[in-house]
Amino acid sequence: MDTLAPKLSIAFFAYNQEKYVRESVRSVLAQECEQAVEIVLSDDCSQDTTYSIMQEEVQAYSGKHKVILRQNERNLGLANHINLVFSMCHGDWIMCAAGDDISLPTRAQSLVDLLMTHNDTNIMAVQGGYSEIDPESRLTGEFPDPDLPTSDLVKYVNTDGYVVGATMSYRNLLI
């Protein structure tokens, strides 16, 4: 029995990250996913050139993904910014990304493949592995994909594991 691939949204959050946001936006727009994804690029009213850099990158983009670029009229703070952007996402799953992070081009497709392999409606959140780099892009540490939690997410965080926000993906029903 074939299962349809879940629709995916990417929620991208930026605030005063002009030094990193260009490469970060490019990495999200360059996702090599079999299906088009919805990408919501959102700036939380940065006081630097973050948003204008985001605009330049979107204007130069000609790929298949649906891109929504937006900026808050006033700074909402991280939690309110996340809630607002999540409410704008239409995918079955929402993959997070931040203005100072670089996603590998296979990140979105790897998530879709994982979800299709497990095809478990009880899975509400997935965390990916990551590599830490310094401002000069030198590798400073690697953290592999954690195992899927065998218990609820709150218990996982409190006893078994850790959550790194920019590596997280959430089932939209959870939001």
C-alpha atoms as a PDB file:
ATOM      1  CA  MET A   1       0.000   0.000   0.000  1.00  0.00           C
ATOM      2  CA  ASP A   2       1.450   3.347  -1.045  1.00  0.00           C
ATOM      3  CA  THR A   3       1.175   6.238   1.363  1.00  0.00           C
ATOM      4  CA  LEU A   4       1.044   9.805   0.146  1.00  0.00           C
ATOM      5  CA  ALA A   5       3.951  11.959   1.218  1.00  0.00           C
ATOM      6  CA  PRO A   6       2.968  14.464   3.891  1.00  0.00           C
ATOM      7  CA  LYS A   7       2.726  18.089   2.800  1.00  0.00           C
ATOM      8  CA  LEU A   8       5.554  20.077   4.333  1.00  0.00           C
ATOM      9  CA  SER A   9       5.853  23.691   5.425  1.00  0.00           C
ATOM     10  CA  ILE A  10       9.122  25.282   6.479  1.00  0.00           C
ATOM     11  CA  ALA A  11       8.795  27.955   9.169  1.00  0.00           C
ATOM     12  CA  PHE A  12      11.835  30.234   9.034  1.00  0.00           C
ATOM     13  CA  PHE A  13      12.433  32.736  11.840  1.00  0.00           C
ATOM     14  CA  ALA A  14      14.859  35.652  11.704  1.00  0.00           C
ATOM     15  CA  TYR A  15      15.708  38.567  13.964  1.00  0.00           C
ATOM     16  CA  ASN A  16      18.813  40.791  13.680  1.00  0.00           C
ATOM     17  CA  GLN A  17      20.861  38.121  11.895  1.00  0.00           C
ATOM     18  CA  GLU A  18      22.270  40.095   8.960  1.00  0.00           C
ATOM     19  CA  LYS A  19      25.658  38.329   9.217  1.00  0.00           C
ATOM     20  CA  TYR A  20      24.131  34.877   8.644  1.00  0.00           C
ATOM     21  CA  VAL A  21      20.689  35.247   7.093  1.00  0.00           C
ATOM     22  CA  ARG A  22      21.691  35.253   3.412  1.00  0.00           C
ATOM     23  CA  GLU A  23      23.302  31.826   3.553  1.00  0.00           C
ATOM     24  CA  SER A  24      20.537  30.581   5.823  1.00  0.00           C
ATOM     25  CA  VAL A  25      17.732  31.678   3.468  1.00  0.00           C
ATOM     26  CA  ARG A  26      19.594  30.211   0.501  1.00  0.00           C
ATOM     27  CA  SER A  27      19.868  26.872   2.278  1.00  0.00           C
ATOM     28  CA  VAL A  28      16.117  26.744   2.887  1.00  0.00           C
ATOM     29  CA  LEU A  29      15.252  27.772  -0.668  1.00  0.00           C
ATOM     30  CA  ALA A  30      17.664  25.098  -1.984  1.00  0.00           C
ATOM     31  CA  GLN A  31      15.804  22.166  -0.437  1.00  0.00           C
ATOM     32  CA  GLU A  32      15.951  19.210  -2.839  1.00  0.00           C
ATOM     33  CA  CYS A  33      12.548  17.807  -1.992  1.00  0.00           C
ATOM     34  CA  GLU A  34      10.602  15.658  -4.469  1.00  0.00           C
ATOM     35  CA  GLN A  35       7.499  17.726  -3.833  1.00  0.00           C
ATOM     36  CA  ALA A  36       7.209  21.488  -3.607  1.00  0.00           C
ATOM     37  CA  VAL A  37       7.114  22.767  -0.042  1.00  0.00           C
ATOM     38  CA  GLU A  38       5.623  25.900   1.468  1.00  0.00           C
ATOM     39  CA  ILE A  39       8.315  28.161   2.919  1.00  0.00           C
ATOM     40  CA  VAL A  40       7.275  30.954   5.276  1.00  0.00           C
ATOM     41  CA  LEU A  41      10.221  33.320   5.757  1.00  0.00           C
ATOM     42  CA  SER A  42       9.464  35.684   8.622  1.00  0.00           C
ATOM     43  CA  ASP A  43      11.403  38.531  10.198  1.00  0.00           C
ATOM     44  CA  ASP A  44      10.499  39.750  13.691  1.00  0.00           C
ATOM     45  CA  CYS A  45      10.997  43.466  12.899  1.00  0.00           C
ATOM     46  CA  SER A  46      14.794  43.376  12.808  1.00  0.00           C
ATOM     47  CA  GLN A  47      16.666  46.610  13.449  1.00  0.00           C
ATOM     48  CA  ASP A  48      19.455  45.713  11.017  1.00  0.00           C
ATOM     49  CA  THR A  49      19.411  44.710   7.318  1.00  0.00           C
ATOM     50  CA  THR A  50      18.121  41.164   7.927  1.00  0.00           C
ATOM     51  CA  TYR A  51      14.788  41.717   6.186  1.00  0.00           C
ATOM     52  CA  SER A  52      16.232  43.497   3.138  1.00  0.00           C
ATOM     53  CA  ILE A  53      18.662  40.601   2.660  1.00  0.00           C
ATOM     54  CA  MET A  54      15.745  38.172   2.879  1.00  0.00           C
ATOM     55  CA  GLN A  55      13.902  40.228   0.245  1.00  0.00           C
ATOM     56  CA  GLU A  56      16.918  40.103  -2.095  1.00  0.00           C
ATOM     57  CA  GLU A  57      17.150  36.327  -1.803  1.00  0.00           C
ATOM     58  CA  VAL A  58      13.437  35.807  -2.447  1.00  0.00           C
ATOM     59  CA  GLN A  59      13.531  38.126  -5.467  1.00  0.00           C
ATOM     60  CA  ALA A  60      16.418  36.094  -6.903  1.00  0.00           C
ATOM     61  CA  TYR A  61      14.649  32.749  -6.268  1.00  0.00           C
ATOM     62  CA  SER A  62      13.074  30.916  -9.213  1.00  0.00           C
ATOM     63  CA  GLY A  63      12.517  27.414  -7.840  1.00  0.00           C
ATOM     64  CA  LYS A  64       9.409  25.287  -7.390  1.00  0.00           C
ATOM     65  CA  HIS A  65       8.745  25.955  -3.705  1.00  0.00           C
ATOM     66  CA  LYS A  66       5.956  28.308  -2.647  1.00  0.00           C
ATOM     67  CA  VAL A  67       7.637  31.160  -0.767  1.00  0.00           C
ATOM     68  CA  ILE A  68       5.894  33.596   1.559  1.00  0.00           C
ATOM     69  CA  LEU A  69       8.034  36.483   2.800  1.00  0.00           C
ATOM     70  CA  ARG A  70       6.766  38.597   5.657  1.00  0.00           C
ATOM     71  CA  GLN A  71       7.887  40.960   8.395  1.00  0.00           C
ATOM     72  CA  ASN A  72       6.207  41.825  11.685  1.00  0.00           C
ATOM     73  CA  GLU A  73       5.275  45.497  12.070  1.00  0.00           C
ATOM     74  CA  ARG A  74       6.683  45.393  15.595  1.00  0.00           C
ATOM     75  CA  ASN A  75       8.904  42.952  17.450  1.00  0.00           C
ATOM     76  CA  LEU A  76       6.765  40.160  18.931  1.00  0.00           C
ATOM     77  CA  GLY A  77       9.496  38.224  20.714  1.00  0.00           C
ATOM     78  CA  LEU A  78      10.432  34.636  19.957  1.00  0.00           C
ATOM     79  CA  ALA A  79       7.427  32.719  21.319  1.00  0.00           C
ATOM     80  CA  ASN A  80       4.804  35.015  19.784  1.00  0.00           C
ATOM     81  CA  HIS A  81       6.710  35.092  16.491  1.00  0.00           C
ATOM     82  CA  ILE A  82       6.783  31.291  16.385  1.00  0.00           C
ATOM     83  CA  ASN A  83       3.069  31.047  17.175  1.00  0.00           C
ATOM     84  CA  LEU A  84       2.185  33.532  14.439  1.00  0.00           C
ATOM     85  CA  VAL A  85       4.274  31.827  11.765  1.00  0.00           C
ATOM     86  CA  PHE A  86       3.031  28.357  12.732  1.00  0.00           C
ATOM     87  CA  SER A  87      -0.541  29.629  12.308  1.00  0.00           C
ATOM     88  CA  MET A  88       0.323  30.590   8.713  1.00  0.00           C
ATOM     89  CA  CYS A  89       1.667  27.143   7.766  1.00  0.00           C
ATOM     90  CA  HIS A  90      -0.620  24.819   5.785  1.00  0.00           C
ATOM     91  CA  GLY A  91       1.505  21.665   5.608  1.00  0.00           C
ATOM     92  CA  ASP A  92       0.812  18.439   7.489  1.00  0.00           C
ATOM     93  CA  TRP A  93       4.230  18.940   9.079  1.00  0.00           C
ATOM     94  CA  ILE A  94       6.156  22.106   9.941  1.00  0.00           C
ATOM     95  CA  MET A  95       9.949  22.034   9.770  1.00  0.00           C
ATOM     96  CA  CYS A  96      11.673  24.828  11.716  1.00  0.00           C
ATOM     97  CA  ALA A  97      14.644  26.849  10.522  1.00  0.00           C
ATOM     98  CA  ALA A  98      16.349  29.938  11.913  1.00  0.00           C
ATOM     99  CA  GLY A  99      18.189  32.893  10.425  1.00  0.00           C
ATOM    100  CA  ASP A 100      21.536  31.811  11.819  1.00  0.00           C
ATOM    101  CA  ASP A 101      21.335  28.155  10.757  1.00  0.00           C
ATOM    102  CA  ILE A 102      22.197  26.390   7.526  1.00  0.00           C
ATOM    103  CA  SER A 103      20.077  23.437   6.423  1.00  0.00           C
ATOM    104  CA  LEU A 104      21.580  20.730   4.278  1.00  0.00           C
ATOM    105  CA  PRO A 105      19.817  20.535   0.891  1.00  0.00           C
ATOM    106  CA  THR A 106      18.443  17.068   1.730  1.00  0.00           C
ATOM    107  CA  ARG A 107      16.913  18.050   5.085  1.00  0.00           C
ATOM    108  CA  ALA A 108      13.279  18.358   3.954  1.00  0.00           C
ATOM    109  CA  GLN A 109      13.325  15.165   1.873  1.00  0.00           C
ATOM    110  CA  SER A 110      14.985  13.246   4.727  1.00  0.00           C
ATOM    111  CA  LEU A 111      12.147  14.308   7.004  1.00  0.00           C
ATOM    112  CA  VAL A 112       9.496  13.259   4.477  1.00  0.00           C
ATOM    113  CA  ASP A 113      11.249   9.903   3.967  1.00  0.00           C
ATOM    114  CA  LEU A 114      11.400   9.301   7.734  1.00  0.00           C
ATOM    115  CA  LEU A 115       7.726  10.122   8.180  1.00  0.00           C
ATOM    116  CA  MET A 116       6.699   7.856   5.324  1.00  0.00           C
ATOM    117  CA  THR A 117       8.852   5.008   6.633  1.00  0.00           C
ATOM    118  CA  HIS A 118       7.345   5.169  10.110  1.00  0.00           C
ATOM    119  CA  ASN A 119       3.825   6.214   9.002  1.00  0.00           C
ATOM    120  CA  ASP A 120       2.772   6.525  12.645  1.00  0.00           C
ATOM    121  CA  THR A 121       0.063   9.053  13.484  1.00  0.00           C
ATOM    122  CA  ASN A 122       1.235   9.048  17.106  1.00  0.00           C
ATOM    123  CA  ILE A 123       4.493  10.777  16.160  1.00  0.00           C
ATOM    124  CA  MET A 124       3.963  14.491  16.825  1.00  0.00           C
ATOM    125  CA  ALA A 125       7.509  15.859  16.692  1.00  0.00           C
ATOM    126  CA  VAL A 126      10.854  14.874  15.196  1.00  0.00           C
ATOM    127  CA  GLN A 127      14.268  16.314  15.926  1.00  0.00           C
ATOM    128  CA  GLY A 128      17.086  16.120  13.408  1.00  0.00           C
ATOM    129  CA  GLY A 129      20.785  15.908  14.030  1.00  0.00           C
ATOM    130  CA  TYR A 130      23.028  18.891  13.493  1.00  0.00           C
ATOM    131  CA  SER A 131      26.585  20.108  13.272  1.00  0.00           C
ATOM    132  CA  GLU A 132      27.793  23.201  15.079  1.00  0.00           C
ATOM    133  CA  ILE A 133      30.004  25.619  13.190  1.00  0.00           C
ATOM    134  CA  ASP A 134      31.734  28.797  14.267  1.00  0.00           C
ATOM    135  CA  PRO A 135      31.294  32.167  12.479  1.00  0.00           C
ATOM    136  CA  GLU A 136      33.971  31.142   9.973  1.00  0.00           C
ATOM    137  CA  SER A 137      32.030  27.932   9.117  1.00  0.00           C
ATOM    138  CA  ARG A 138      34.526  25.647  10.857  1.00  0.00           C
ATOM    139  CA  LEU A 139      33.018  22.496  12.360  1.00  0.00           C
ATOM    140  CA  THR A 140      33.055  22.602  16.170  1.00  0.00           C
ATOM    141  CA  GLY A 141      30.837  19.614  16.997  1.00  0.00           C
ATOM    142  CA  GLU A 142      28.454  17.046  15.531  1.00  0.00           C
ATOM    143  CA  PHE A 143      25.251  15.761  17.079  1.00  0.00           C
ATOM    144  CA  PRO A 144      23.647  12.785  15.291  1.00  0.00           C
ATOM    145  CA  ASP A 145      19.924  12.292  14.716  1.00  0.00           C
ATOM    146  CA  PRO A 146      18.415  11.272  18.048  1.00  0.00           C
ATOM    147  CA  ASP A 147      16.237   8.186  18.243  1.00  0.00           C
ATOM    148  CA  LEU A 148      12.527   8.719  17.855  1.00  0.00           C
ATOM    149  CA  PRO A 149      11.093   9.063  21.358  1.00  0.00           C
ATOM    150  CA  THR A 150       9.349   5.925  22.557  1.00  0.00           C
ATOM    151  CA  SER A 151       7.319   7.936  25.050  1.00  0.00           C
ATOM    152  CA  ASP A 152       5.598  11.279  25.024  1.00  0.00           C
ATOM    153  CA  LEU A 153       7.574  14.394  24.124  1.00  0.00           C
ATOM    154  CA  VAL A 154       7.410  15.972  27.592  1.00  0.00           C
ATOM    155  CA  LYS A 155       8.819  12.823  29.211  1.00  0.00           C
ATOM    156  CA  TYR A 156      11.492  12.634  26.505  1.00  0.00           C
ATOM    157  CA  VAL A 157      12.643  16.184  27.164  1.00  0.00           C
ATOM    158  CA  ASN A 158      12.496  15.833  30.951  1.00  0.00           C
ATOM    159  CA  THR A 159      14.254  12.495  31.269  1.00  0.00           C
ATOM    160  CA  ASP A 160      15.769  11.098  28.109  1.00  0.00           C
ATOM    161  CA  GLY A 161      16.826  13.805  25.743  1.00  0.00           C
ATOM    162  CA  TYR A 162      17.145  17.361  24.611  1.00  0.00           C
ATOM    163  CA  VAL A 163      15.414  19.546  22.064  1.00  0.00           C
ATOM    164  CA  VAL A 164      17.197  21.977  19.750  1.00  0.00           C
ATOM    165  CA  GLY A 165      14.483  24.257  18.372  1.00  0.00           C
ATOM    166  CA  ALA A 166      15.888  24.914  14.904  1.00  0.00           C
ATOM    167  CA  THR A 167      16.227  21.172  14.235  1.00  0.00           C
ATOM    168  CA  MET A 168      12.623  20.394  15.157  1.00  0.00           C
ATOM    169  CA  SER A 169       9.662  19.459  12.981  1.00  0.00           C
ATOM    170  CA  TYR A 170       6.114  19.277  14.303  1.00  0.00           C
ATOM    171  CA  ARG A 171       2.905  17.682  13.111  1.00  0.00           C
ATOM    172  CA  ASN A 172       0.624  20.628  12.332  1.00  0.00           C
ATOM    173  CA  LEU A 173      -2.160  19.008  14.379  1.00  0.00           C
ATOM    174  CA  LEU A 174       0.011  19.542  17.466  1.00  0.00           C
ATOM    175  CA  ILE A 175       0.105  23.291  16.964  1.00  0.00           C
END
